[in-house]
Amino acid sequence: MTKRISIKIILLLFLFTLNLHGQIKLKTYSEKIEKGFKFLADNEEYCPVSVKVDFELNNMSSSRGNHKIFVIPARARNYLITKLKSKFSGSYSFSSTTRFNYGNSLKDRYDQNYVYNLPYKNKSTFILYQGYHGTRTHQNKNALDFSMPIGTPIHAAREGVVVKVIEKNTITCYQKECAKYNNSILIYHSDSTFSNYLHIDTNGAIVEVGDTVAKGQRIAKSGNIGWSSGPHLHFEVFQQKIGKRITLKTKFKINEVSEAIYLKEKQKYTRNYN
């Protein structure tokens, strides 16, 4: 291999090491092997991360293909994405671009029959002031807004693993640009879906990243932080794809005897179970 190619690879390794794609703690990099490289990933997140990889190959081939999505398991280190091997004698090199996001983007099926708990404590009653595809801020989105006072205990609607907690923001306004100040808790479920609890109070999280939470467990205090017109809890369940989020309708348990239902806007709902 020529000196020019060696320098190029060193620079690529340095860029890959720094390539954390914002707040998602995943790193891609390569290691030298005979006549090529191993292309690897470290995933520090508590859920799988999907990576779209596009290679530009010079006299090389990829053992697992090119222009594909690869799923890196949670907490995986030195995970082999593919091997890049030279095809003929002479110099060889590669470069890559990557995009990634939380979750398994290759999985489309999820548990459509799962019944969620209302995300507050027993004997509590709150109005659903904006429902699925609401006209205020839920256009084309399956999301729910429960109006509730600041400091109301928030309980997990479904069991899972906490993958992200944001609780330090203090700013509130009713403009879309304030969405960047949303405090939130993101929980990963066994069917590769996520639930998101938004607008929690400043320092209002009771759980931490990496915690396994039980259904009904108290996880936070509600607030009025971020893009908000008043104190409330924004709740949504979604599948995460590369560059796209698909929000999902979910059924809720209301009491011990009635069938699970889809919640309706402007209705009050009392949780009558532990």
C-alpha atoms as a PDB file:
ATOM      1  CA  MET A   1       0.000   0.000   0.000  1.00  0.00           C
ATOM      2  CA  THR A   2       1.315   3.453  -0.817  1.00  0.00           C
ATOM      3  CA  LYS A   3       2.055   6.123   1.758  1.00  0.00           C
ATOM      4  CA  ARG A   4      -0.741   8.262   0.332  1.00  0.00           C
ATOM      5  CA  ILE A   5      -3.301   5.522   1.003  1.00  0.00           C
ATOM      6  CA  SER A   6      -1.973   4.967   4.531  1.00  0.00           C
ATOM      7  CA  ILE A   7      -2.410   8.640   5.393  1.00  0.00           C
ATOM      8  CA  LYS A   8      -5.927   8.591   3.984  1.00  0.00           C
ATOM      9  CA  ILE A   9      -6.882   5.629   6.171  1.00  0.00           C
ATOM     10  CA  ILE A  10      -5.424   7.268   9.303  1.00  0.00           C
ATOM     11  CA  LEU A  11      -7.494  10.366   8.640  1.00  0.00           C
ATOM     12  CA  LEU A  12     -10.583   8.232   8.111  1.00  0.00           C
ATOM     13  CA  LEU A  13      -9.997   6.418  11.398  1.00  0.00           C
ATOM     14  CA  PHE A  14      -9.724   9.749  13.205  1.00  0.00           C
ATOM     15  CA  LEU A  15     -12.971  10.976  11.671  1.00  0.00           C
ATOM     16  CA  PHE A  16     -14.771   7.729  12.479  1.00  0.00           C
ATOM     17  CA  THR A  17     -13.596   7.922  16.090  1.00  0.00           C
ATOM     18  CA  LEU A  18     -15.175  11.366  16.443  1.00  0.00           C
ATOM     19  CA  ASN A  19     -18.319  10.474  14.519  1.00  0.00           C
ATOM     20  CA  LEU A  20     -20.864  10.230  17.344  1.00  0.00           C
ATOM     21  CA  HIS A  21     -23.833  11.654  15.398  1.00  0.00           C
ATOM     22  CA  GLY A  22     -24.849  14.121  18.066  1.00  0.00           C
ATOM     23  CA  GLN A  23     -26.023  12.626  21.326  1.00  0.00           C
ATOM     24  CA  ILE A  24     -26.316   8.998  20.217  1.00  0.00           C
ATOM     25  CA  LYS A  25     -23.327   7.197  21.684  1.00  0.00           C
ATOM     26  CA  LEU A  26     -22.282   5.023  18.782  1.00  0.00           C
ATOM     27  CA  LYS A  27     -18.895   5.024  17.087  1.00  0.00           C
ATOM     28  CA  THR A  28     -17.800   3.400  13.820  1.00  0.00           C
ATOM     29  CA  TYR A  29     -14.149   2.730  13.011  1.00  0.00           C
ATOM     30  CA  SER A  30     -11.867   0.304  11.187  1.00  0.00           C
ATOM     31  CA  GLU A  31      -8.996  -2.014  12.069  1.00  0.00           C
ATOM     32  CA  LYS A  32      -6.331  -3.270   9.670  1.00  0.00           C
ATOM     33  CA  ILE A  33      -6.384  -6.942   8.673  1.00  0.00           C
ATOM     34  CA  GLU A  34      -4.523  -8.821   5.957  1.00  0.00           C
ATOM     35  CA  LYS A  35      -5.377  -7.248   2.595  1.00  0.00           C
ATOM     36  CA  GLY A  36      -8.079  -5.040   4.044  1.00  0.00           C
ATOM     37  CA  PHE A  37      -9.939  -3.793   7.071  1.00  0.00           C
ATOM     38  CA  LYS A  38     -12.587  -4.764   9.571  1.00  0.00           C
ATOM     39  CA  PHE A  39     -15.302  -2.093   9.831  1.00  0.00           C
ATOM     40  CA  LEU A  40     -16.532  -2.057  13.433  1.00  0.00           C
ATOM     41  CA  ALA A  41     -18.892  -0.284  15.806  1.00  0.00           C
ATOM     42  CA  ASP A  42     -19.133   0.419  19.534  1.00  0.00           C
ATOM     43  CA  ASN A  43     -22.644   1.034  20.841  1.00  0.00           C
ATOM     44  CA  GLU A  44     -22.821   2.540  24.327  1.00  0.00           C
ATOM     45  CA  GLU A  45     -26.606   2.886  24.212  1.00  0.00           C
ATOM     46  CA  TYR A  46     -29.049   0.668  26.136  1.00  0.00           C
ATOM     47  CA  CYS A  47     -30.969  -0.193  22.973  1.00  0.00           C
ATOM     48  CA  PRO A  48     -29.977  -1.313  19.474  1.00  0.00           C
ATOM     49  CA  VAL A  49     -28.809   1.367  17.057  1.00  0.00           C
ATOM     50  CA  SER A  50     -29.353   1.123  13.300  1.00  0.00           C
ATOM     51  CA  VAL A  51     -26.593   2.362  10.984  1.00  0.00           C
ATOM     52  CA  LYS A  52     -26.960   3.141   7.283  1.00  0.00           C
ATOM     53  CA  VAL A  53     -23.498   2.718   5.721  1.00  0.00           C
ATOM     54  CA  ASP A  54     -22.482   3.868   2.261  1.00  0.00           C
ATOM     55  CA  PHE A  55     -18.952   2.866   1.248  1.00  0.00           C
ATOM     56  CA  GLU A  56     -16.858   4.298  -1.538  1.00  0.00           C
ATOM     57  CA  LEU A  57     -14.527   1.427  -2.365  1.00  0.00           C
ATOM     58  CA  ASN A  58     -11.315   1.548  -4.376  1.00  0.00           C
ATOM     59  CA  ASN A  59     -10.201  -1.967  -5.358  1.00  0.00           C
ATOM     60  CA  MET A  60     -12.147  -3.378  -2.380  1.00  0.00           C
ATOM     61  CA  SER A  61     -15.317  -5.331  -1.710  1.00  0.00           C
ATOM     62  CA  SER A  62     -17.541  -5.558   1.368  1.00  0.00           C
ATOM     63  CA  SER A  63     -18.315  -9.011   2.771  1.00  0.00           C
ATOM     64  CA  ARG A  64     -21.815  -7.936   3.854  1.00  0.00           C
ATOM     65  CA  GLY A  65     -22.693  -5.641   0.998  1.00  0.00           C
ATOM     66  CA  ASN A  66     -22.875  -1.882   0.559  1.00  0.00           C
ATOM     67  CA  HIS A  67     -25.519   0.843   0.941  1.00  0.00           C
ATOM     68  CA  LYS A  68     -27.249  -1.152   3.669  1.00  0.00           C
ATOM     69  CA  ILE A  69     -28.648  -0.761   7.173  1.00  0.00           C
ATOM     70  CA  PHE A  70     -26.904  -2.698   9.925  1.00  0.00           C
ATOM     71  CA  VAL A  71     -28.291  -3.139  13.461  1.00  0.00           C
ATOM     72  CA  ILE A  72     -25.777  -2.841  16.306  1.00  0.00           C
ATOM     73  CA  PRO A  73     -26.941  -4.571  19.525  1.00  0.00           C
ATOM     74  CA  ALA A  74     -27.248  -2.625  22.757  1.00  0.00           C
ATOM     75  CA  ARG A  75     -23.962  -2.165  24.675  1.00  0.00           C
ATOM     76  CA  ALA A  76     -21.972  -3.959  21.939  1.00  0.00           C
ATOM     77  CA  ARG A  77     -18.255  -3.293  21.542  1.00  0.00           C
ATOM     78  CA  ASN A  78     -16.035  -4.226  18.591  1.00  0.00           C
ATOM     79  CA  TYR A  79     -19.139  -5.303  16.698  1.00  0.00           C
ATOM     80  CA  LEU A  80     -18.206  -6.435  13.197  1.00  0.00           C
ATOM     81  CA  ILE A  81     -20.280  -4.626  10.579  1.00  0.00           C
ATOM     82  CA  THR A  82     -18.373  -5.950   7.585  1.00  0.00           C
ATOM     83  CA  LYS A  83     -14.938  -6.885   6.263  1.00  0.00           C
ATOM     84  CA  LEU A  84     -13.444  -4.817   3.459  1.00  0.00           C
ATOM     85  CA  LYS A  85     -10.959  -6.837   1.417  1.00  0.00           C
ATOM     86  CA  SER A  86      -8.823  -5.945  -1.584  1.00  0.00           C
ATOM     87  CA  LYS A  87     -10.013  -7.543  -4.817  1.00  0.00           C
ATOM     88  CA  PHE A  88      -6.733  -7.471  -6.759  1.00  0.00           C
ATOM     89  CA  SER A  89      -3.084  -6.753  -6.132  1.00  0.00           C
ATOM     90  CA  GLY A  90      -2.034  -3.132  -5.786  1.00  0.00           C
ATOM     91  CA  SER A  91      -3.185  -0.228  -3.676  1.00  0.00           C
ATOM     92  CA  TYR A  92      -6.648  -0.082  -2.171  1.00  0.00           C
ATOM     93  CA  SER A  93      -8.662   2.329  -0.028  1.00  0.00           C
ATOM     94  CA  PHE A  94     -12.147   3.172   1.148  1.00  0.00           C
ATOM     95  CA  SER A  95     -14.227   5.959   2.601  1.00  0.00           C
ATOM     96  CA  SER A  96     -17.687   5.861   4.141  1.00  0.00           C
ATOM     97  CA  THR A  97     -20.650   7.943   5.167  1.00  0.00           C
ATOM     98  CA  THR A  98     -22.970   6.825   7.964  1.00  0.00           C
ATOM     99  CA  ARG A  99     -26.369   7.780   9.314  1.00  0.00           C
ATOM    100  CA  PHE A 100     -27.800   6.206  12.421  1.00  0.00           C
ATOM    101  CA  ASN A 101     -30.582   6.351  14.949  1.00  0.00           C
ATOM    102  CA  TYR A 102     -32.013   4.522  17.954  1.00  0.00           C
ATOM    103  CA  GLY A 103     -33.695   1.152  17.491  1.00  0.00           C
ATOM    104  CA  ASN A 104     -33.934  -1.641  14.947  1.00  0.00           C
ATOM    105  CA  SER A 105     -34.938   0.050  11.679  1.00  0.00           C
ATOM    106  CA  LEU A 106     -35.237  -3.326   9.934  1.00  0.00           C
ATOM    107  CA  LYS A 107     -38.090  -4.469  12.181  1.00  0.00           C
ATOM    108  CA  ASP A 108     -41.572  -3.438  11.035  1.00  0.00           C
ATOM    109  CA  ARG A 109     -43.778  -5.674  13.172  1.00  0.00           C
ATOM    110  CA  TYR A 110     -44.631  -4.724  16.738  1.00  0.00           C
ATOM    111  CA  ASP A 111     -47.117  -5.865  19.393  1.00  0.00           C
ATOM    112  CA  GLN A 112     -50.303  -4.139  18.218  1.00  0.00           C
ATOM    113  CA  ASN A 113     -52.318  -5.858  20.956  1.00  0.00           C
ATOM    114  CA  TYR A 114     -50.265  -4.572  23.866  1.00  0.00           C
ATOM    115  CA  VAL A 115     -52.409  -2.756  26.465  1.00  0.00           C
ATOM    116  CA  TYR A 116     -50.796   0.318  28.029  1.00  0.00           C
ATOM    117  CA  ASN A 117     -51.426   1.746  31.470  1.00  0.00           C
ATOM    118  CA  LEU A 118     -52.584   5.313  31.800  1.00  0.00           C
ATOM    119  CA  PRO A 119     -49.355   7.192  32.657  1.00  0.00           C
ATOM    120  CA  TYR A 120     -50.440   8.393  36.100  1.00  0.00           C
ATOM    121  CA  LYS A 121     -51.287   6.920  39.493  1.00  0.00           C
ATOM    122  CA  ASN A 122     -54.360   5.024  40.669  1.00  0.00           C
ATOM    123  CA  LYS A 123     -57.534   7.093  41.357  1.00  0.00           C
ATOM    124  CA  SER A 124     -56.203  10.056  39.342  1.00  0.00           C
ATOM    125  CA  THR A 125     -58.326  11.738  36.678  1.00  0.00           C
ATOM    126  CA  PHE A 126     -57.036  13.912  33.827  1.00  0.00           C
ATOM    127  CA  ILE A 127     -58.463  15.262  30.602  1.00  0.00           C
ATOM    128  CA  LEU A 128     -56.959  14.333  27.256  1.00  0.00           C
ATOM    129  CA  TYR A 129     -56.983  17.801  25.779  1.00  0.00           C
ATOM    130  CA  GLN A 130     -55.234  16.821  22.524  1.00  0.00           C
ATOM    131  CA  GLY A 131     -55.443  13.393  20.944  1.00  0.00           C
ATOM    132  CA  TYR A 132     -54.193  11.568  17.866  1.00  0.00           C
ATOM    133  CA  HIS A 133     -53.819  13.875  14.867  1.00  0.00           C
ATOM    134  CA  GLY A 134     -54.862  16.861  16.975  1.00  0.00           C
ATOM    135  CA  THR A 135     -55.201  20.179  15.211  1.00  0.00           C
ATOM    136  CA  ARG A 136     -52.883  22.177  17.504  1.00  0.00           C
ATOM    137  CA  THR A 137     -49.502  20.393  17.413  1.00  0.00           C
ATOM    138  CA  HIS A 138     -50.327  16.757  16.586  1.00  0.00           C
ATOM    139  CA  GLN A 139     -51.015  17.050  12.873  1.00  0.00           C
ATOM    140  CA  ASN A 140     -50.120  13.710  11.226  1.00  0.00           C
ATOM    141  CA  LYS A 141     -48.911  12.390  14.580  1.00  0.00           C
ATOM    142  CA  ASN A 142     -50.265   9.697  16.912  1.00  0.00           C
ATOM    143  CA  ALA A 143     -49.542  11.494  20.167  1.00  0.00           C
ATOM    144  CA  LEU A 144     -51.519  12.279  23.345  1.00  0.00           C
ATOM    145  CA  ASP A 145     -51.492  15.337  25.633  1.00  0.00           C
ATOM    146  CA  PHE A 146     -52.789  14.941  29.188  1.00  0.00           C
ATOM    147  CA  SER A 147     -53.477  18.241  30.954  1.00  0.00           C
ATOM    148  CA  MET A 148     -52.083  18.032  34.505  1.00  0.00           C
ATOM    149  CA  PRO A 149     -50.542  20.312  37.146  1.00  0.00           C
ATOM    150  CA  ILE A 150     -46.784  20.708  37.418  1.00  0.00           C
ATOM    151  CA  GLY A 151     -45.331  18.102  39.768  1.00  0.00           C
ATOM    152  CA  THR A 152     -47.900  15.379  39.038  1.00  0.00           C
ATOM    153  CA  PRO A 153     -46.299  11.902  39.367  1.00  0.00           C
ATOM    154  CA  ILE A 154     -45.761  10.249  35.978  1.00  0.00           C
ATOM    155  CA  HIS A 155     -45.877   6.451  35.834  1.00  0.00           C
ATOM    156  CA  ALA A 156     -44.509   4.172  33.110  1.00  0.00           C
ATOM    157  CA  ALA A 157     -47.249   3.089  30.721  1.00  0.00           C
ATOM    158  CA  ARG A 158     -45.173   0.056  29.724  1.00  0.00           C
ATOM    159  CA  GLU A 159     -42.108  -1.783  31.001  1.00  0.00           C
ATOM    160  CA  GLY A 160     -38.753  -1.231  29.312  1.00  0.00           C
ATOM    161  CA  VAL A 161     -35.250   0.201  29.516  1.00  0.00           C
ATOM    162  CA  VAL A 162     -34.527   3.911  29.891  1.00  0.00           C
ATOM    163  CA  VAL A 163     -32.324   5.017  26.983  1.00  0.00           C
ATOM    164  CA  LYS A 164     -32.458   8.804  27.272  1.00  0.00           C
ATOM    165  CA  VAL A 165     -33.220  11.364  29.991  1.00  0.00           C
ATOM    166  CA  ILE A 166     -33.323  15.132  29.467  1.00  0.00           C
ATOM    167  CA  GLU A 167     -34.271  17.111  32.582  1.00  0.00           C
ATOM    168  CA  LYS A 168     -32.023  20.194  32.829  1.00  0.00           C
ATOM    169  CA  ASN A 169     -33.980  22.564  30.567  1.00  0.00           C
ATOM    170  CA  THR A 170     -35.951  25.440  32.096  1.00  0.00           C
ATOM    171  CA  ILE A 171     -37.296  27.360  29.076  1.00  0.00           C
ATOM    172  CA  THR A 172     -40.954  27.298  27.994  1.00  0.00           C
ATOM    173  CA  CYS A 173     -42.645  28.925  25.000  1.00  0.00           C
ATOM    174  CA  TYR A 174     -45.398  28.144  22.516  1.00  0.00           C
ATOM    175  CA  GLN A 175     -43.243  28.292  19.400  1.00  0.00           C
ATOM    176  CA  LYS A 176     -41.920  25.269  17.533  1.00  0.00           C
ATOM    177  CA  GLU A 177     -38.325  26.391  18.018  1.00  0.00           C
ATOM    178  CA  CYS A 178     -38.745  25.720  21.745  1.00  0.00           C
ATOM    179  CA  ALA A 179     -39.031  21.975  21.027  1.00  0.00           C
ATOM    180  CA  LYS A 180     -35.256  21.825  21.506  1.00  0.00           C
ATOM    181  CA  TYR A 181     -35.878  22.595  25.197  1.00  0.00           C
ATOM    182  CA  ASN A 182     -38.262  19.678  25.786  1.00  0.00           C
ATOM    183  CA  ASN A 183     -37.388  17.696  28.884  1.00  0.00           C
ATOM    184  CA  SER A 184     -38.146  14.033  28.289  1.00  0.00           C
ATOM    185  CA  ILE A 185     -37.714  10.373  29.183  1.00  0.00           C
ATOM    186  CA  LEU A 186     -37.334   7.818  26.374  1.00  0.00           C
ATOM    187  CA  ILE A 187     -38.014   4.126  27.107  1.00  0.00           C
ATOM    188  CA  TYR A 188     -37.218   1.176  24.812  1.00  0.00           C
ATOM    189  CA  HIS A 189     -39.617  -1.791  24.682  1.00  0.00           C
ATOM    190  CA  SER A 190     -39.103  -5.466  23.904  1.00  0.00           C
ATOM    191  CA  ASP A 191     -40.830  -5.206  20.493  1.00  0.00           C
ATOM    192  CA  SER A 192     -38.374  -2.490  19.350  1.00  0.00           C
ATOM    193  CA  THR A 193     -40.835   0.369  19.909  1.00  0.00           C
ATOM    194  CA  PHE A 194     -40.214   3.389  22.145  1.00  0.00           C
ATOM    195  CA  SER A 195     -42.362   5.487  24.435  1.00  0.00           C
ATOM    196  CA  ASN A 196     -41.584   9.160  24.974  1.00  0.00           C
ATOM    197  CA  TYR A 197     -42.693  11.256  27.939  1.00  0.00           C
ATOM    198  CA  LEU A 198     -42.268  14.996  27.240  1.00  0.00           C
ATOM    199  CA  HIS A 199     -42.342  18.302  29.153  1.00  0.00           C
ATOM    200  CA  ILE A 200     -41.306  16.773  32.487  1.00  0.00           C
ATOM    201  CA  ASP A 201     -40.317  19.266  35.159  1.00  0.00           C
ATOM    202  CA  THR A 202     -36.771  20.576  35.508  1.00  0.00           C
ATOM    203  CA  ASN A 203     -34.795  17.924  37.425  1.00  0.00           C
ATOM    204  CA  GLY A 204     -38.039  15.955  37.496  1.00  0.00           C
ATOM    205  CA  ALA A 205     -36.735  12.551  36.371  1.00  0.00           C
ATOM    206  CA  ILE A 206     -36.750   9.775  38.960  1.00  0.00           C
ATOM    207  CA  VAL A 207     -35.044   7.213  36.703  1.00  0.00           C
ATOM    208  CA  GLU A 208     -31.666   7.207  34.959  1.00  0.00           C
ATOM    209  CA  VAL A 209     -30.340   5.970  31.634  1.00  0.00           C
ATOM    210  CA  GLY A 210     -29.862   2.216  31.830  1.00  0.00           C
ATOM    211  CA  ASP A 211     -32.599   1.623  34.423  1.00  0.00           C
ATOM    212  CA  THR A 212     -35.060  -1.185  33.791  1.00  0.00           C
ATOM    213  CA  VAL A 213     -38.522   0.098  34.674  1.00  0.00           C
ATOM    214  CA  ALA A 214     -41.654  -1.867  35.477  1.00  0.00           C
ATOM    215  CA  LYS A 215     -45.080  -1.098  34.095  1.00  0.00           C
ATOM    216  CA  GLY A 216     -46.725   1.368  36.477  1.00  0.00           C
ATOM    217  CA  GLN A 217     -43.458   2.460  38.090  1.00  0.00           C
ATOM    218  CA  ARG A 218     -43.141   6.153  38.943  1.00  0.00           C
ATOM    219  CA  ILE A 219     -40.553   7.697  36.619  1.00  0.00           C
ATOM    220  CA  ALA A 220     -40.898  11.485  36.744  1.00  0.00           C
ATOM    221  CA  LYS A 221     -42.773  14.626  37.741  1.00  0.00           C
ATOM    222  CA  SER A 222     -44.797  16.411  35.086  1.00  0.00           C
ATOM    223  CA  GLY A 223     -43.953  19.941  34.037  1.00  0.00           C
ATOM    224  CA  ASN A 224     -44.359  22.671  31.465  1.00  0.00           C
ATOM    225  CA  ILE A 225     -40.934  22.763  29.806  1.00  0.00           C
ATOM    226  CA  GLY A 226     -40.137  23.203  26.119  1.00  0.00           C
ATOM    227  CA  TRP A 227     -42.706  23.686  23.345  1.00  0.00           C
ATOM    228  CA  SER A 228     -45.800  23.958  25.507  1.00  0.00           C
ATOM    229  CA  SER A 229     -48.856  26.147  25.969  1.00  0.00           C
ATOM    230  CA  GLY A 230     -49.518  24.975  29.526  1.00  0.00           C
ATOM    231  CA  PRO A 231     -48.686  22.247  32.065  1.00  0.00           C
ATOM    232  CA  HIS A 232     -49.219  18.815  30.539  1.00  0.00           C
ATOM    233  CA  LEU A 233     -47.698  15.426  29.696  1.00  0.00           C
ATOM    234  CA  HIS A 234     -47.076  14.620  26.036  1.00  0.00           C
ATOM    235  CA  PHE A 235     -46.991  10.841  25.484  1.00  0.00           C
ATOM    236  CA  GLU A 236     -46.273   8.967  22.281  1.00  0.00           C
ATOM    237  CA  VAL A 237     -45.206   5.502  21.165  1.00  0.00           C
ATOM    238  CA  PHE A 238     -43.208   5.106  17.970  1.00  0.00           C
ATOM    239  CA  GLN A 239     -41.013   3.006  15.716  1.00  0.00           C
ATOM    240  CA  GLN A 240     -37.731   4.699  14.834  1.00  0.00           C
ATOM    241  CA  LYS A 241     -36.388   4.441  11.304  1.00  0.00           C
ATOM    242  CA  ILE A 242     -33.316   6.080   9.793  1.00  0.00           C
ATOM    243  CA  GLY A 243     -34.355   9.716   9.523  1.00  0.00           C
ATOM    244  CA  LYS A 244     -38.036   9.008  10.229  1.00  0.00           C
ATOM    245  CA  ARG A 245     -40.267   8.368  13.237  1.00  0.00           C
ATOM    246  CA  ILE A 246     -43.526   6.409  12.857  1.00  0.00           C
ATOM    247  CA  THR A 247     -45.913   7.195  15.722  1.00  0.00           C
ATOM    248  CA  LEU A 248     -48.367   4.481  16.719  1.00  0.00           C
ATOM    249  CA  LYS A 249     -51.882   4.307  18.139  1.00  0.00           C
ATOM    250  CA  THR A 250     -52.003   2.436  21.436  1.00  0.00           C
ATOM    251  CA  LYS A 251     -54.789   0.911  23.529  1.00  0.00           C
ATOM    252  CA  PHE A 252     -55.105   1.763  27.228  1.00  0.00           C
ATOM    253  CA  LYS A 253     -56.494  -0.005  30.274  1.00  0.00           C
ATOM    254  CA  ILE A 254     -59.072   2.149  32.075  1.00  0.00           C
ATOM    255  CA  ASN A 255     -60.254  -0.205  34.821  1.00  0.00           C
ATOM    256  CA  GLU A 256     -60.238  -3.881  35.793  1.00  0.00           C
ATOM    257  CA  VAL A 257     -63.421  -4.863  33.938  1.00  0.00           C
ATOM    258  CA  SER A 258     -63.659  -2.829  30.715  1.00  0.00           C
ATOM    259  CA  GLU A 259     -61.885  -3.679  27.495  1.00  0.00           C
ATOM    260  CA  ALA A 260     -58.839  -1.658  26.504  1.00  0.00           C
ATOM    261  CA  ILE A 261     -59.668   1.397  24.395  1.00  0.00           C
ATOM    262  CA  TYR A 262     -58.164   4.076  22.203  1.00  0.00           C
ATOM    263  CA  LEU A 263     -58.395   7.386  24.061  1.00  0.00           C
ATOM    264  CA  LYS A 264     -60.470  10.242  22.626  1.00  0.00           C
ATOM    265  CA  GLU A 265     -59.706  13.941  22.672  1.00  0.00           C
ATOM    266  CA  LYS A 266     -61.479  16.135  25.281  1.00  0.00           C
ATOM    267  CA  GLN A 267     -62.474  13.120  27.394  1.00  0.00           C
ATOM    268  CA  LYS A 268     -61.596  12.644  31.059  1.00  0.00           C
ATOM    269  CA  TYR A 269     -59.980   9.364  32.076  1.00  0.00           C
ATOM    270  CA  THR A 270     -59.697   7.978  35.606  1.00  0.00           C
ATOM    271  CA  ARG A 271     -57.206   5.251  36.325  1.00  0.00           C
ATOM    272  CA  ASN A 272     -58.973   2.636  38.454  1.00  0.00           C
ATOM    273  CA  TYR A 273     -56.237   0.089  39.058  1.00  0.00           C
ATOM    274  CA  ASN A 274     -52.819  -0.158  40.685  1.00  0.00           C
END
